N, C-alpha and C. Protein backbone atom coordinates (compact mmCIF):
# COMPACT_ATOMS: atom_id res chain seq x y z
N MET A 1 6.21 80.72 57.05
CA MET A 1 7.04 82.10 57.86
C MET A 1 7.37 82.12 58.74
N THR A 2 8.53 82.49 58.74
CA THR A 2 10.15 82.71 60.15
C THR A 2 9.20 83.80 61.18
N GLU A 3 9.19 83.87 62.55
CA GLU A 3 9.03 84.89 62.99
C GLU A 3 9.81 84.85 64.14
N THR A 4 10.08 86.18 64.21
CA THR A 4 11.41 85.81 66.06
C THR A 4 10.74 87.34 66.52
N PHE A 5 10.90 87.40 67.94
CA PHE A 5 10.12 88.29 68.60
C PHE A 5 10.71 87.79 70.28
N ALA A 6 10.41 88.65 70.83
CA ALA A 6 11.26 88.77 72.03
C ALA A 6 10.54 88.55 73.55
N VAL A 7 10.76 88.01 74.37
CA VAL A 7 9.86 87.65 75.79
C VAL A 7 10.65 88.26 76.93
N ARG A 8 10.26 89.39 77.03
CA ARG A 8 11.06 89.54 78.87
C ARG A 8 10.32 89.38 79.67
N SER A 9 11.08 89.66 80.68
CA SER A 9 10.76 89.01 81.99
C SER A 9 11.86 89.30 82.96
N PRO A 10 11.53 89.26 84.45
CA PRO A 10 12.49 90.17 85.35
C PRO A 10 13.71 88.94 85.18
N LEU A 11 13.67 87.58 85.06
CA LEU A 11 14.82 86.89 85.00
C LEU A 11 15.07 87.08 84.08
N VAL A 12 15.00 86.81 82.66
CA VAL A 12 15.78 87.16 80.92
C VAL A 12 15.17 87.65 80.48
N THR A 13 15.59 87.74 79.12
CA THR A 13 15.04 88.53 77.95
C THR A 13 15.86 87.33 77.34
N LEU A 14 13.84 86.53 76.20
CA LEU A 14 14.60 85.57 75.60
C LEU A 14 14.23 86.28 73.81
N ALA A 15 15.06 85.41 72.88
CA ALA A 15 15.23 85.45 71.51
C ALA A 15 13.65 84.52 71.01
N VAL A 16 12.77 84.29 70.68
CA VAL A 16 12.25 83.01 70.66
C VAL A 16 11.88 83.30 68.85
N THR A 17 12.24 81.74 68.61
CA THR A 17 11.71 82.02 66.71
C THR A 17 10.49 80.81 66.81
N ILE A 18 9.50 81.16 65.80
CA ILE A 18 8.73 80.00 65.03
C ILE A 18 8.91 80.10 63.86
N ASP A 19 8.52 78.76 63.25
CA ASP A 19 8.13 78.51 61.67
C ASP A 19 7.36 77.16 61.51
N ALA A 20 6.78 77.46 60.16
CA ALA A 20 5.92 76.68 60.07
C ALA A 20 4.72 76.05 61.00
N GLY A 21 4.34 76.90 62.03
CA GLY A 21 3.97 75.99 62.79
C GLY A 21 3.99 75.81 63.72
N ALA A 22 5.10 75.96 64.48
CA ALA A 22 6.31 75.04 65.71
C ALA A 22 7.41 76.39 65.81
N LEU A 23 7.14 76.24 67.44
CA LEU A 23 8.83 76.71 68.10
C LEU A 23 9.26 75.89 67.44
N VAL A 24 11.08 76.22 67.31
CA VAL A 24 11.98 76.10 67.01
C VAL A 24 13.62 76.45 67.14
N GLY A 25 13.12 77.82 68.18
CA GLY A 25 14.83 78.25 68.94
C GLY A 25 14.23 79.20 69.95
N ILE A 26 14.70 79.22 70.99
CA ILE A 26 15.00 79.93 72.42
C ILE A 26 16.45 80.24 72.15
N ARG A 27 16.64 81.64 72.79
CA ARG A 27 18.46 82.04 72.18
C ARG A 27 18.12 83.18 73.76
N PHE A 28 18.64 82.62 75.21
CA PHE A 28 18.60 83.66 76.42
C PHE A 28 19.40 85.02 75.83
N HIS A 29 18.90 86.42 76.71
CA HIS A 29 20.29 87.09 77.06
C HIS A 29 19.65 87.90 75.52
N ALA A 30 18.81 87.65 75.26
CA ALA A 30 18.52 88.67 73.85
C ALA A 30 18.44 90.54 73.94
N ASP A 31 18.35 91.13 72.67
CA ASP A 31 18.29 92.08 73.22
C ASP A 31 16.66 92.39 72.81
N PRO A 32 15.91 93.10 73.35
CA PRO A 32 14.74 93.62 73.56
C PRO A 32 14.20 93.86 71.48
N GLY A 33 13.17 92.76 71.03
CA GLY A 33 13.39 92.94 69.96
C GLY A 33 11.16 93.69 70.08
N PRO A 34 10.68 92.98 68.94
CA PRO A 34 9.58 92.70 68.60
C PRO A 34 8.34 92.43 68.85
N SER A 35 7.11 92.21 69.47
CA SER A 35 6.69 91.52 69.81
C SER A 35 5.83 90.36 68.55
N PRO A 36 5.48 89.78 69.21
CA PRO A 36 4.58 88.36 68.07
C PRO A 36 3.67 88.84 67.68
N ARG A 37 3.54 88.52 66.28
CA ARG A 37 2.47 88.95 65.51
C ARG A 37 1.80 87.93 65.31
N SER A 38 1.96 86.86 65.76
CA SER A 38 1.09 85.59 64.76
C SER A 38 0.68 84.98 65.98
N ALA A 39 -0.48 84.30 66.29
CA ALA A 39 -1.56 83.58 67.23
C ALA A 39 -0.37 82.60 67.94
N LEU A 40 -0.07 82.18 67.44
CA LEU A 40 1.14 80.82 67.93
C LEU A 40 1.88 82.08 68.93
N GLY A 41 2.56 83.04 68.17
CA GLY A 41 4.30 83.48 68.61
C GLY A 41 3.03 84.33 70.15
N ARG A 42 1.97 84.51 69.76
CA ARG A 42 1.19 85.00 71.78
C ARG A 42 1.28 84.03 72.27
N GLU A 43 0.43 83.51 71.94
CA GLU A 43 0.45 81.81 72.49
C GLU A 43 1.93 81.15 73.41
N VAL A 44 2.80 81.13 72.74
CA VAL A 44 4.44 80.85 73.26
C VAL A 44 5.29 82.22 73.91
N ARG A 45 4.68 83.43 73.62
CA ARG A 45 5.08 84.18 74.95
C ARG A 45 3.99 84.43 76.15
N ASP A 46 2.99 83.82 76.09
CA ASP A 46 1.70 83.55 77.41
C ASP A 46 2.89 82.61 77.95
N GLN A 47 2.75 81.85 77.31
CA GLN A 47 3.32 80.55 78.22
C GLN A 47 4.54 80.55 78.98
N LEU A 48 5.42 81.21 78.43
CA LEU A 48 6.89 81.64 78.68
C LEU A 48 6.53 83.03 80.05
N HIS A 49 5.56 83.73 79.62
CA HIS A 49 5.39 84.19 81.03
C HIS A 49 5.27 83.85 81.72
N ALA A 50 4.23 83.03 81.98
CA ALA A 50 3.22 81.84 83.36
C ALA A 50 4.37 81.44 83.61
N TYR A 51 4.94 80.93 83.08
CA TYR A 51 6.35 79.85 83.36
C TYR A 51 7.19 80.53 84.54
N LEU A 52 7.48 82.38 83.72
CA LEU A 52 8.57 82.94 84.21
C LEU A 52 8.09 83.52 85.25
N ALA A 53 6.70 83.89 85.51
CA ALA A 53 6.19 83.74 86.66
C ALA A 53 6.04 83.18 87.74
N GLY A 54 6.51 81.90 87.23
CA GLY A 54 5.62 80.50 88.35
C GLY A 54 4.49 80.46 88.26
N GLU A 55 4.14 80.29 87.02
CA GLU A 55 2.65 80.42 87.02
C GLU A 55 2.04 79.01 86.20
N ARG A 56 3.14 78.47 85.64
CA ARG A 56 3.13 77.56 85.03
C ARG A 56 3.79 76.47 85.06
N ARG A 57 3.82 75.28 85.18
CA ARG A 57 4.59 73.86 84.96
C ARG A 57 4.85 73.16 83.86
N HIS A 58 3.49 73.57 83.04
CA HIS A 58 4.09 72.55 81.38
C HIS A 58 3.97 73.30 80.32
N PHE A 59 4.50 73.10 79.19
CA PHE A 59 3.99 74.01 78.21
C PHE A 59 3.41 73.11 77.41
N ASP A 60 2.70 73.57 76.48
CA ASP A 60 1.60 72.71 75.17
C ASP A 60 1.88 73.32 74.15
N LEU A 61 2.50 73.33 73.52
CA LEU A 61 3.39 73.75 72.20
C LEU A 61 3.89 72.85 71.05
N PRO A 62 3.43 73.42 69.88
CA PRO A 62 4.08 72.37 69.03
C PRO A 62 5.76 73.32 68.85
N LEU A 63 6.46 71.73 68.80
CA LEU A 63 7.57 72.04 68.85
C LEU A 63 8.57 71.37 67.60
N GLU A 64 9.13 71.80 66.82
CA GLU A 64 10.24 71.19 66.15
C GLU A 64 11.99 71.40 66.49
N LEU A 65 12.38 70.32 66.63
CA LEU A 65 13.52 70.54 67.55
C LEU A 65 14.68 70.09 66.90
N GLY A 66 14.41 69.57 65.48
CA GLY A 66 15.29 68.93 64.62
C GLY A 66 16.28 67.93 65.32
N GLY A 67 17.60 68.34 65.36
CA GLY A 67 18.66 67.40 65.90
C GLY A 67 18.98 66.07 65.42
N THR A 68 19.88 65.28 65.93
CA THR A 68 20.24 63.89 65.66
C THR A 68 19.41 62.71 66.28
N VAL A 69 19.25 61.26 66.60
CA VAL A 69 17.67 60.58 66.51
C VAL A 69 18.45 60.40 68.20
N PHE A 70 19.65 60.48 68.50
CA PHE A 70 19.97 60.91 70.10
C PHE A 70 19.97 61.97 70.83
N GLN A 71 19.84 62.92 69.83
CA GLN A 71 19.75 64.28 70.92
C GLN A 71 18.33 64.22 70.74
N ARG A 72 17.30 64.14 70.17
CA ARG A 72 15.52 63.84 70.21
C ARG A 72 15.48 63.17 71.53
N ALA A 73 16.01 61.59 71.29
CA ALA A 73 15.86 61.28 72.53
C ALA A 73 16.08 61.85 74.44
N VAL A 74 17.20 62.28 74.33
CA VAL A 74 17.49 62.85 75.48
C VAL A 74 16.15 64.20 75.56
N TRP A 75 16.32 64.87 74.39
CA TRP A 75 15.53 66.06 74.66
C TRP A 75 13.79 65.29 74.86
N GLU A 76 13.62 64.08 74.40
CA GLU A 76 12.41 63.72 74.99
C GLU A 76 12.38 63.53 76.53
N ALA A 77 13.52 62.49 76.78
CA ALA A 77 13.76 62.11 78.07
C ALA A 77 13.86 63.80 79.29
N LEU A 78 14.48 64.60 78.62
CA LEU A 78 14.22 65.88 79.61
C LEU A 78 12.87 66.81 79.59
N GLN A 79 12.12 65.94 78.91
CA GLN A 79 10.26 66.89 79.20
C GLN A 79 9.95 65.54 79.80
N ARG A 80 10.20 64.75 80.43
CA ARG A 80 9.65 63.98 81.61
C ARG A 80 9.55 63.94 82.87
N ILE A 81 11.45 65.24 82.64
CA ILE A 81 11.68 65.31 83.93
C ILE A 81 10.88 66.53 85.15
N PRO A 82 10.07 65.98 86.26
CA PRO A 82 9.09 66.40 86.35
C PRO A 82 9.49 67.83 86.98
N TYR A 83 8.81 68.70 86.80
CA TYR A 83 9.14 70.11 87.59
C TYR A 83 9.50 70.55 88.93
N GLY A 84 10.25 70.92 89.22
CA GLY A 84 10.99 70.98 90.52
C GLY A 84 12.14 70.10 90.82
N GLU A 85 12.45 69.16 90.20
CA GLU A 85 13.07 68.15 90.39
C GLU A 85 14.42 68.03 89.46
N THR A 86 15.06 67.35 89.70
CA THR A 86 16.61 67.27 88.78
C THR A 86 16.97 66.32 88.13
N ARG A 87 17.85 65.74 87.47
CA ARG A 87 18.11 64.88 87.74
C ARG A 87 19.89 64.72 86.97
N SER A 88 20.82 63.29 87.03
CA SER A 88 22.14 63.78 86.65
C SER A 88 22.27 63.45 84.94
N TYR A 89 22.97 64.03 84.63
CA TYR A 89 23.52 63.26 83.04
C TYR A 89 23.28 61.90 82.52
N ALA A 90 24.28 61.16 84.10
CA ALA A 90 24.45 59.94 84.04
C ALA A 90 22.65 58.97 84.10
N GLN A 91 21.78 59.61 84.94
CA GLN A 91 20.30 59.29 85.20
C GLN A 91 19.84 59.98 83.65
N VAL A 92 19.29 60.51 82.81
CA VAL A 92 19.42 60.71 81.70
C VAL A 92 19.75 60.12 80.32
N ALA A 93 21.32 59.42 80.48
CA ALA A 93 21.69 58.49 79.56
C ALA A 93 21.30 56.96 79.56
N ARG A 94 21.12 56.66 81.37
CA ARG A 94 20.42 55.21 81.45
C ARG A 94 18.85 55.62 80.80
N VAL A 95 18.26 56.56 81.39
CA VAL A 95 17.10 56.43 80.96
C VAL A 95 16.87 56.42 79.27
N ILE A 96 17.59 56.49 78.68
CA ILE A 96 17.79 56.36 77.14
C ILE A 96 18.08 55.14 76.76
N GLY A 97 18.67 54.69 77.06
CA GLY A 97 19.33 52.90 76.69
C GLY A 97 20.94 53.31 76.62
N ARG A 98 21.92 54.55 77.14
CA ARG A 98 22.55 54.34 77.04
C ARG A 98 23.76 55.15 77.91
N PRO A 99 23.80 54.38 79.24
CA PRO A 99 24.57 53.92 80.60
C PRO A 99 25.40 55.00 80.48
N ARG A 100 26.58 54.88 79.60
CA ARG A 100 27.45 55.44 79.39
C ARG A 100 28.19 57.00 78.73
N ALA A 101 26.90 57.23 78.13
CA ALA A 101 26.86 58.39 77.04
C ALA A 101 26.58 60.10 78.04
N SER A 102 27.26 59.45 79.45
CA SER A 102 26.68 61.39 79.89
C SER A 102 27.24 62.20 79.51
N ARG A 103 28.63 62.23 78.72
CA ARG A 103 28.81 63.15 78.12
C ARG A 103 28.04 63.97 76.64
N ALA A 104 27.81 62.70 75.80
CA ALA A 104 26.63 62.73 74.64
C ALA A 104 25.30 63.15 75.45
N VAL A 105 25.18 63.26 76.33
CA VAL A 105 23.62 63.89 76.75
C VAL A 105 24.38 65.17 77.18
N GLY A 106 25.38 65.40 77.93
CA GLY A 106 25.88 67.08 78.10
C GLY A 106 25.65 68.07 76.92
N ARG A 107 26.40 67.32 75.83
CA ARG A 107 26.18 68.25 74.46
C ARG A 107 25.12 68.07 73.91
N ALA A 108 24.30 67.15 74.08
CA ALA A 108 22.53 67.38 73.27
C ALA A 108 21.78 68.41 74.00
N ASN A 109 22.36 68.32 75.61
CA ASN A 109 21.76 69.79 76.35
C ASN A 109 22.11 71.01 75.90
N HIS A 110 23.67 70.93 75.27
CA HIS A 110 23.93 72.11 75.01
C HIS A 110 23.56 72.87 73.62
N ASN A 111 23.22 71.54 73.02
CA ASN A 111 22.32 71.64 71.72
C ASN A 111 21.22 71.80 71.39
N ASN A 112 20.42 72.14 72.50
CA ASN A 112 18.92 71.73 72.90
C ASN A 112 18.21 73.31 71.92
N PRO A 113 17.94 73.60 71.45
CA PRO A 113 16.83 74.20 70.33
C PRO A 113 16.34 75.31 71.73
N VAL A 114 15.34 74.93 71.91
CA VAL A 114 14.37 75.54 73.18
C VAL A 114 14.86 74.98 74.59
N PRO A 115 15.74 75.86 75.05
CA PRO A 115 15.90 75.53 76.54
C PRO A 115 14.72 76.24 77.40
N ILE A 116 14.62 76.13 78.18
CA ILE A 116 13.08 76.38 79.58
C ILE A 116 12.30 75.38 79.18
N VAL A 117 11.35 75.31 77.39
CA VAL A 117 10.36 74.58 77.35
C VAL A 117 10.37 73.10 77.17
N VAL A 118 11.98 72.61 76.86
CA VAL A 118 12.72 71.74 77.03
C VAL A 118 13.65 71.56 77.97
N PRO A 119 13.18 71.36 79.22
CA PRO A 119 13.63 71.74 80.28
C PRO A 119 15.20 71.40 80.83
N CYS A 120 16.60 71.41 80.12
CA CYS A 120 17.46 71.17 80.30
C CYS A 120 18.74 71.85 81.27
N HIS A 121 17.98 72.97 81.76
CA HIS A 121 18.42 73.39 83.40
C HIS A 121 17.80 72.20 84.41
N ARG A 122 17.22 71.51 84.37
CA ARG A 122 17.22 70.70 85.09
C ARG A 122 17.94 69.42 84.94
N VAL A 123 18.91 69.31 84.74
CA VAL A 123 19.97 68.14 84.48
C VAL A 123 20.95 69.17 85.45
N VAL A 124 21.78 68.38 86.56
CA VAL A 124 23.18 68.57 87.10
C VAL A 124 24.39 67.76 87.14
N GLY A 125 25.46 67.80 87.84
CA GLY A 125 25.81 67.19 87.76
C GLY A 125 25.61 65.71 88.74
N ALA A 126 26.77 64.94 88.82
CA ALA A 126 26.33 63.49 89.75
C ALA A 126 25.76 64.23 90.88
N ASP A 127 27.10 65.10 91.68
CA ASP A 127 27.01 65.58 92.95
C ASP A 127 25.72 66.39 93.10
N GLY A 128 25.09 67.03 92.43
CA GLY A 128 24.05 67.71 92.56
C GLY A 128 24.83 69.20 92.35
N ALA A 129 25.58 69.06 92.12
CA ALA A 129 26.37 70.27 91.47
C ALA A 129 25.82 71.34 90.48
N LEU A 130 25.26 72.45 89.74
CA LEU A 130 25.13 73.30 88.66
C LEU A 130 26.22 73.19 88.31
N THR A 131 26.28 72.99 86.69
CA THR A 131 27.15 72.65 85.75
C THR A 131 25.94 72.99 84.43
N GLY A 132 27.23 73.09 83.19
CA GLY A 132 27.01 74.59 82.29
C GLY A 132 25.04 74.56 81.75
N PHE A 133 25.50 75.94 81.12
CA PHE A 133 23.89 76.33 80.94
C PHE A 133 23.87 77.30 80.01
N GLY A 134 23.75 77.22 78.51
CA GLY A 134 23.73 78.39 77.94
C GLY A 134 22.98 79.60 78.08
N GLY A 135 22.34 79.83 79.58
CA GLY A 135 21.95 81.04 80.23
C GLY A 135 23.03 81.33 80.90
N GLY A 136 23.77 80.32 80.95
CA GLY A 136 24.88 81.15 82.70
C GLY A 136 24.14 79.82 83.78
N ILE A 137 25.35 79.68 84.38
CA ILE A 137 24.82 79.12 86.31
C ILE A 137 23.84 79.39 86.90
N GLU A 138 24.04 81.33 86.63
CA GLU A 138 22.91 82.32 87.79
C GLU A 138 21.49 82.05 87.38
N LEU A 139 21.25 81.97 86.21
CA LEU A 139 19.93 81.86 85.64
C LEU A 139 19.36 80.51 86.00
N LYS A 140 20.11 79.29 85.97
CA LYS A 140 20.04 78.08 85.89
C LYS A 140 19.48 77.86 87.30
N GLU A 141 20.47 78.46 88.37
CA GLU A 141 19.80 78.76 89.31
C GLU A 141 18.64 79.10 89.78
N ARG A 142 18.46 80.16 89.20
CA ARG A 142 17.37 81.34 89.37
C ARG A 142 16.00 80.13 88.55
N LEU A 143 16.16 79.50 87.71
CA LEU A 143 15.12 78.75 87.08
C LEU A 143 14.54 77.48 87.82
N LEU A 144 15.77 77.25 88.41
CA LEU A 144 15.70 75.61 89.18
C LEU A 144 14.94 76.23 91.32
N GLY A 145 15.79 77.38 91.41
CA GLY A 145 14.67 78.24 92.49
C GLY A 145 12.86 78.38 92.04
N LEU A 146 13.07 79.01 91.26
CA LEU A 146 11.28 79.12 90.75
C LEU A 146 10.61 77.97 90.74
N GLU A 147 11.30 76.98 90.51
CA GLU A 147 10.35 75.25 90.24
C GLU A 147 10.17 74.75 91.72
N GLY A 148 10.83 75.83 92.58
CA GLY A 148 10.99 75.18 94.09
C GLY A 148 12.13 74.67 94.94
N GLY A 149 12.90 75.50 94.13
CA GLY A 149 14.43 74.69 95.20
C GLY A 149 15.22 74.28 94.38
N ARG A 150 16.36 73.93 94.82
CA ARG A 150 17.20 73.51 93.75
C ARG A 150 17.39 71.82 94.91
N PRO A 151 17.38 71.01 94.37
CA PRO A 151 17.70 69.83 95.11
C PRO A 151 18.80 68.96 94.80
N THR A 152 19.67 68.36 96.03
CA THR A 152 20.79 67.98 95.71
C THR A 152 21.14 66.94 95.36
N ALA A 153 22.17 65.84 95.34
CA ALA A 153 21.79 64.21 94.79
C ALA A 153 21.46 63.56 95.79
N SER A 154 21.79 63.96 97.24
CA SER A 154 21.53 62.97 98.11
C SER A 154 19.60 63.34 98.48
N SER A 155 18.84 64.32 97.49
CA SER A 155 17.58 64.81 97.62
C SER A 155 16.47 63.90 97.42
N SER A 156 15.75 63.48 98.06
CA SER A 156 14.69 62.46 97.72
C SER A 156 14.41 62.70 96.53
N GLN A 157 14.05 64.05 95.98
CA GLN A 157 13.58 64.49 94.17
C GLN A 157 14.51 63.76 93.29
N PHE A 158 15.74 63.17 93.76
CA PHE A 158 16.71 63.22 92.98
C PHE A 158 16.45 61.66 92.93
N VAL A 159 15.74 61.21 91.70
CA VAL A 159 15.53 59.78 91.70
C VAL A 159 15.16 59.37 90.64
N MET A 160 15.44 58.46 89.92
CA MET A 160 15.51 58.26 88.27
C MET A 160 14.05 58.58 87.93
N PHE A 161 13.83 58.30 86.52
CA PHE A 161 11.98 58.42 86.04
C PHE A 161 12.23 57.65 84.69
């Protein structure tokens, strides 16, 4: 059974969708909606609240992401970017074995069905500049700030994983 509910925080209101026992979607800047009805919905809400309050660094939720083989490889790589760190699109492309696929990595980020949980906000331009994000650049900057600051390309945190 599909369930969609709102998660509200001072940073953003999210529309969350779960289906068949897994998180399948998060949309930014959603209208306030219902509260979660299921135990999984309440767990998703609680983990998102804890993250957005700066109290959680990792998510432990069942995911059903769909996507192509390439997209799933990108999304798996994003989940390995440590909290508080960033990677460039080119670095992610190299990690998944497709060093010339930086733009395709960007498209996969754009199509990420569960942003925040799969942290596409941790991917930046080669020079450390903030680039496209479904929630907007301001929210991307705030999420990175929540995680401990926005490193630049020359930062010691900006390394391969």
